[in-house]
Every structure is written in structure tokens, then in C-alpha cells.
Amino acid sequence: MKFRENEEAVSPVIGVILMVAITVILAAVIAAFVFGMPGNVQTTKTVSMQAALSGNNITLTISGGPDLNTVQTLTITLDGDAPGELFAANGTTLGADKSVLEPADLGGETFKAGDNIKIEGNSGRLLVVGQWPDGAEQIILDRTF
């Protein structure tokens, strides 16, 4: 008795498995867009700032970045508290125990590259957090002196 193998059945089975896999993947991608899963992704903002110790003060210099012109406020803390005194580059006192700066505090409508802020104090953890109009908050500078 001679048996014949039917090799034609292998190809349709693999084809059906591939079609089912493609259908499941496509349904998952469509469901993700319909239910808005990718809509909650926030982009990272890019702003550069340096800090340097000069005597008994820390000088912050805004370097720039593509998202600098949209920063609404900068929150500056030294060891978790408002710094003792803040000064603008021209020597203007920005305030004692003030930690939130707006562009108008530095004399402009937006923060600009080259803006300087002098902080009274020379030690501790310095943290600068930016806030944008879309509600995003991001750490711009985190440095310990």
C-alpha cells in the first residue's frame, strides 16, 4: 500500500495564520487611535541654563533652546526653599524670598538667551523648574553647590 503526502495543505494553513495575525494587529492599532491612547503623550521641552558660583552668590545664565520663548514662569529653589534674595543682571532686586519669576521680572515679554539671575547664597541644591502654557512643568536645572 502506497501513501501519498498532500503537501499542498501547508501553504493555506500558514496563509490563514498570517491573515489572522495581521487582522489582530490592525485592530489593536485602530483601537488605540479611536480611544485616544497616543493623545496623552507629552513632549519634552528643551531649554538650557547654566549656574556658576561667584563668591557668595550663584549666577544663573539662560543659554537658550527651542522652547525658551514659550516658558511662562521659572521657579527657583535653593535647598527646597525660596532663595534669600534674587537680582537681575543689571543689579535690580527681584525680591526677597521670591521663588517664581516671570519674563517681566527680567524686563521682557519672554525669557531670552543671555538673561542672568543672581541668587544670594552659595551652597545647597539649586532647582529651576519651568512652566509652559500647556500646563507642562519640567526641571531645567538641578545642581548642588
Protein backbone atom coordinates (compact mmCIF):
# COMPACT_ATOMS: atom_id res chain seq x y z
CA MET A 1 0.00 0.00 0.00
CA LYS A 2 1.42 3.34 -1.02
CA PHE A 3 0.61 6.58 0.80
CA ARG A 4 0.73 9.92 -0.92
CA GLU A 5 1.59 13.02 1.02
CA ASN A 6 -0.51 16.07 0.46
CA GLU A 7 1.97 18.95 0.62
CA GLU A 8 -0.49 21.50 -0.72
CA ALA A 9 -2.21 21.87 2.67
CA VAL A 10 0.81 23.52 4.36
CA SER A 11 0.63 26.75 2.39
CA PRO A 12 -3.07 27.56 3.08
CA VAL A 13 -2.64 26.93 6.83
CA ILE A 14 0.31 29.35 7.07
CA GLY A 15 -1.62 31.88 4.98
CA VAL A 16 -4.62 31.76 7.35
CA ILE A 17 -2.37 32.17 10.41
CA LEU A 18 -0.69 35.23 8.85
CA MET A 19 -4.03 36.80 7.90
CA VAL A 20 -5.37 36.35 11.45
CA ALA A 21 -2.19 37.89 12.94
CA ILE A 22 -2.36 40.91 10.60
CA THR A 23 -6.06 41.41 11.42
CA VAL A 24 -5.41 41.35 15.20
CA ILE A 25 -2.50 43.85 14.91
CA LEU A 26 -4.54 46.17 12.69
CA ALA A 27 -7.49 46.05 15.10
CA ALA A 28 -5.20 46.95 18.04
CA VAL A 29 -3.70 49.96 16.22
CA ILE A 30 -7.12 51.26 15.16
CA ALA A 31 -8.48 50.81 18.70
CA ALA A 32 -5.54 52.76 20.14
CA PHE A 33 -6.27 55.76 17.91
CA VAL A 34 -10.04 55.59 18.38
CA PHE A 35 -9.77 55.54 22.18
CA GLY A 36 -7.10 58.26 22.19
CA MET A 37 -4.25 56.39 23.84
CA PRO A 38 -1.45 58.22 21.96
CA GLY A 39 -3.12 61.59 22.59
CA ASN A 40 -1.89 61.82 26.20
CA VAL A 41 1.79 61.79 25.34
CA GLN A 42 3.60 64.98 26.38
CA THR A 43 6.70 66.10 24.58
CA THR A 44 9.86 67.07 26.39
CA LYS A 45 10.65 70.77 26.39
CA THR A 46 14.17 71.89 25.58
CA VAL A 47 15.66 74.85 27.46
CA SER A 48 19.29 75.25 28.52
CA MET A 49 20.55 77.06 31.60
CA GLN A 50 23.90 77.18 33.41
CA ALA A 51 24.75 78.00 37.01
CA ALA A 52 28.10 79.27 38.26
CA LEU A 53 29.34 80.05 41.75
CA SER A 54 30.83 83.53 42.09
CA GLY A 55 31.82 84.50 45.61
CA ASN A 56 28.84 84.20 47.92
CA ASN A 57 26.33 84.16 45.06
CA ILE A 58 25.14 81.79 42.37
CA THR A 59 24.67 83.24 38.89
CA LEU A 60 22.14 81.62 36.56
CA THR A 61 22.52 82.22 32.83
CA ILE A 62 19.80 81.27 30.38
CA SER A 63 21.50 79.78 27.31
CA GLY A 64 18.54 79.25 25.01
CA GLY A 65 16.63 76.39 23.46
CA PRO A 66 13.73 75.99 21.05
CA ASP A 67 11.12 76.16 23.83
CA LEU A 68 12.60 79.15 25.68
CA ASN A 69 10.27 81.75 24.17
CA THR A 70 7.19 79.89 25.48
CA VAL A 71 8.29 79.49 29.12
CA GLN A 72 5.74 81.29 31.32
CA THR A 73 7.49 81.09 34.69
CA LEU A 74 10.70 79.86 36.30
CA THR A 75 10.52 78.53 39.83
CA ILE A 76 13.87 78.72 41.64
CA THR A 77 14.51 76.91 44.90
CA LEU A 78 17.66 76.51 46.97
CA ASP A 79 17.52 73.52 49.32
CA GLY A 80 13.75 73.29 48.76
CA ASP A 81 13.03 76.88 49.83
CA ALA A 82 12.84 80.22 48.10
CA PRO A 83 16.33 81.72 47.78
CA GLY A 84 17.20 84.58 50.13
CA GLU A 85 17.40 87.34 47.50
CA LEU A 86 17.22 87.41 43.70
CA PHE A 87 18.86 90.05 41.50
CA ALA A 88 18.61 90.75 37.75
CA ALA A 89 21.78 91.20 35.68
CA ASN A 90 21.52 94.98 35.94
CA GLY A 91 21.51 94.76 39.75
CA THR A 92 17.76 95.28 40.17
CA THR A 93 16.42 93.45 43.22
CA LEU A 94 13.79 90.97 42.12
CA GLY A 95 12.64 90.27 45.65
CA ALA A 96 13.45 88.67 48.94
CA ASP A 97 12.19 85.12 49.35
CA LYS A 98 10.75 85.22 45.84
CA SER A 99 10.96 81.94 44.00
CA VAL A 100 8.69 82.35 40.94
CA LEU A 101 9.97 84.58 38.13
CA GLU A 102 8.08 85.78 35.08
CA PRO A 103 9.67 87.28 31.97
CA ALA A 104 8.51 90.77 33.03
CA ASP A 105 10.73 90.45 36.15
CA LEU A 106 13.74 90.47 33.82
CA GLY A 107 12.36 93.29 31.67
CA GLY A 108 10.94 91.41 28.72
CA GLU A 109 7.87 89.72 27.31
CA THR A 110 9.69 86.38 27.13
CA PHE A 111 12.81 84.92 28.70
CA LYS A 112 15.80 85.42 26.40
CA ALA A 113 19.16 83.74 25.93
CA GLY A 114 21.71 85.70 27.91
CA ASP A 115 19.35 86.68 30.74
CA ASN A 116 21.16 86.47 34.08
CA ILE A 117 19.77 85.95 37.56
CA LYS A 118 21.96 86.29 40.64
CA ILE A 119 20.97 84.31 43.74
CA GLU A 120 22.14 85.25 47.21
CA GLY A 121 23.57 82.08 48.72
CA ASN A 122 26.39 79.78 47.76
CA SER A 123 25.52 76.29 48.90
CA GLY A 124 22.76 73.76 48.63
CA ARG A 125 20.72 72.08 45.95
CA LEU A 126 19.60 74.53 43.27
CA LEU A 127 16.50 73.53 41.33
CA VAL A 128 14.99 75.53 38.45
CA VAL A 129 11.60 74.37 37.11
CA GLY A 130 9.97 75.85 34.01
CA GLN A 131 6.24 76.03 33.39
CA TRP A 132 4.64 76.28 29.92
CA PRO A 133 1.20 77.43 28.71
CA ASP A 134 0.05 73.84 28.11
CA GLY A 135 0.46 73.14 31.84
CA ALA A 136 3.69 71.21 31.43
CA GLU A 137 6.31 71.59 34.15
CA GLN A 138 9.86 70.41 33.69
CA ILE A 139 13.14 70.63 35.57
CA ILE A 140 15.53 72.84 33.62
CA LEU A 141 18.45 72.84 36.05
CA ASP A 142 19.29 70.62 39.03
CA ARG A 143 22.68 71.29 40.59
CA THR A 144 24.24 71.04 44.03
CA PHE A 145 26.83 73.56 45.25
